[in-house]
Amino acid sequence: MISIISFGYRNGIPEEFVGAIIDARVFNNPKPSPRLLKQNGLSKEYQALFFKDMHNKEALSEAIHFAKEQIRHNNETVIAIGCEQGLYRSVAVAEKVYQSIKKSGYNAELVHSALEVLRLV
C-alpha cells in the first residue's frame, strides 16, 4: 500500500512518515483573492489556476516521476507532500500525484492531514 499524505510544515512532518518528502513550497501559489482564500487545494477553481502556471506543470511532472521512482524501490511507502500550511499547494499536488499513481495501477490511499485537523475543530 502506498500512502500519500499532504501536510503543513508549520505543524511538522507527519509522524507516520517513513518514505519520501515532496516539498510543495517550490510551486508557485496563484495570486491570492478573497474568493480563493475561502477555498483549499481541493477546489477545482484553485487547481485550475494553480496548474495553469507553467512552472507548476513542470514541477508536478517532476513530483510524479519522483513519487513513482520511490514506489518502484518500495511499494509499501509513505510519500509526504508538504507546503507551509498544508491547505493549498500540498493538497493540490497530492491530489494529482495520487491520481497518477492510481492510474498506474498501484493500491494507494490519500490523506490531507491539515484538512483533517480543520474538520476536527
Protein backbone atom coordinates (compact mmCIF):
# COMPACT_ATOMS: atom_id res chain seq x y z
CA MET A 1 0.00 0.00 0.00
CA ILE A 2 1.24 3.44 -0.93
CA SER A 3 0.19 6.31 1.28
CA ILE A 4 0.16 9.89 0.04
CA ILE A 5 -0.11 12.47 2.82
CA SER A 6 -0.36 16.22 2.37
CA PHE A 7 0.79 18.21 5.37
CA GLY A 8 1.81 21.66 6.58
CA TYR A 9 5.40 22.24 7.65
CA ARG A 10 4.15 24.59 10.36
CA ASN A 11 2.58 21.53 12.04
CA GLY A 12 5.63 19.34 11.49
CA ILE A 13 6.29 16.34 9.29
CA PRO A 14 3.69 13.59 9.91
CA GLU A 15 4.82 11.00 12.48
CA GLU A 16 3.87 8.15 10.17
CA PHE A 17 6.36 9.44 7.61
CA VAL A 18 8.80 6.71 6.61
CA GLY A 19 9.37 7.29 2.90
CA ALA A 20 10.00 10.43 0.87
CA ILE A 21 9.08 14.11 1.02
CA ILE A 22 7.99 16.30 -1.87
CA ASP A 23 8.34 19.96 -0.91
CA ALA A 24 5.39 21.77 -2.49
CA ARG A 25 6.78 25.11 -1.36
CA VAL A 26 8.70 25.16 -4.67
CA PHE A 27 5.37 25.51 -6.51
CA ASN A 28 4.01 28.99 -7.24
CA ASN A 29 0.83 29.94 -5.43
CA PRO A 30 -1.83 31.72 -7.50
CA LYS A 31 -2.34 35.38 -6.68
CA PRO A 32 -4.49 35.37 -3.54
CA SER A 33 -8.01 36.69 -3.76
CA PRO A 34 -10.73 36.75 -1.10
CA ARG A 35 -12.59 34.11 -3.09
CA LEU A 36 -9.60 31.73 -3.34
CA LEU A 37 -8.73 32.20 0.34
CA LYS A 38 -12.11 30.69 1.25
CA GLN A 39 -11.18 27.52 -0.65
CA ASN A 40 -8.36 24.99 -0.37
CA GLY A 41 -6.29 22.78 -2.65
CA LEU A 42 -9.28 20.51 -3.33
CA SER A 43 -11.11 23.33 -5.08
CA LYS A 44 -11.37 22.89 -8.85
CA GLU A 45 -11.04 26.67 -9.24
CA TYR A 46 -7.83 26.74 -7.20
CA GLN A 47 -6.40 23.73 -9.06
CA ALA A 48 -7.21 25.27 -12.46
CA LEU A 49 -5.30 28.45 -11.57
CA PHE A 50 -2.51 26.54 -9.83
CA PHE A 51 -1.80 24.15 -12.70
CA LYS A 52 -2.20 26.86 -15.35
CA ASP A 53 1.24 28.09 -14.24
CA MET A 54 3.93 26.56 -16.50
CA HIS A 55 6.41 26.21 -13.63
CA ASN A 56 3.81 24.29 -11.62
CA LYS A 57 3.08 21.98 -14.56
CA GLU A 58 6.77 21.15 -14.88
CA ALA A 59 7.23 20.75 -11.11
CA LEU A 60 4.19 18.44 -10.99
CA SER A 61 5.68 16.25 -13.70
CA GLU A 62 8.90 16.02 -11.68
CA ALA A 63 6.98 15.27 -8.46
CA ILE A 64 5.05 12.45 -10.13
CA HIS A 65 8.24 11.00 -11.60
CA PHE A 66 9.95 11.20 -8.18
CA ALA A 67 6.98 9.52 -6.45
CA LYS A 68 6.90 6.69 -8.99
CA GLU A 69 10.66 6.15 -8.57
CA GLN A 70 10.16 5.86 -4.81
CA ILE A 71 7.36 3.34 -5.34
CA ARG A 72 9.48 1.36 -7.78
CA HIS A 73 12.00 0.86 -4.96
CA ASN A 74 9.40 0.24 -2.25
CA ASN A 75 5.69 -0.27 -2.98
CA GLU A 76 4.89 -0.08 0.75
CA THR A 77 5.90 3.53 1.23
CA VAL A 78 4.60 6.84 2.50
CA ILE A 79 5.09 9.91 0.35
CA ALA A 80 4.53 13.11 2.28
CA ILE A 81 3.85 16.30 0.33
CA GLY A 82 4.20 19.49 2.32
CA CYS A 83 3.71 23.21 2.00
CA GLU A 84 3.64 25.91 4.65
CA GLN A 85 0.04 25.50 5.87
CA GLY A 86 -0.86 22.20 4.23
CA LEU A 87 -4.08 23.63 2.82
CA TYR A 88 -3.36 24.68 -0.75
CA ARG A 89 -0.24 23.69 -2.71
CA SER A 90 0.43 20.39 -0.95
CA VAL A 91 -3.22 19.34 -1.25
CA ALA A 92 -3.40 20.16 -4.97
CA VAL A 93 -0.10 18.37 -5.69
CA ALA A 94 -1.04 15.36 -3.54
CA GLU A 95 -4.32 15.01 -5.44
CA LYS A 96 -2.51 14.87 -8.79
CA VAL A 97 0.25 12.54 -7.57
CA TYR A 98 -2.38 10.23 -6.06
CA GLN A 99 -4.42 10.20 -9.28
CA SER A 100 -1.34 9.38 -11.35
CA ILE A 101 -0.29 6.56 -9.02
CA LYS A 102 -3.79 5.07 -9.01
CA LYS A 103 -3.95 5.34 -12.81
CA SER A 104 -0.69 3.38 -12.96
CA GLY A 105 -2.42 0.52 -11.13
CA TYR A 106 -0.98 0.89 -7.64
CA ASN A 107 -3.01 0.41 -4.48
CA ALA A 108 -2.86 3.80 -2.77
CA GLU A 109 -4.55 5.93 -0.14
CA LEU A 110 -4.64 9.70 0.22
CA VAL A 111 -4.83 11.73 3.42
CA HIS A 112 -4.86 15.52 3.75
CA SER A 113 -3.66 15.87 7.34
CA ALA A 114 -4.11 19.64 7.71
CA LEU A 115 -7.63 19.50 6.24
CA GLU A 116 -8.47 16.63 8.63
CA VAL A 117 -7.36 18.77 11.59
CA LEU A 118 -9.61 21.63 10.41
CA ARG A 119 -12.59 19.26 10.26
CA LEU A 120 -11.99 18.23 13.87
CA VAL A 121 -12.09 21.83 15.12
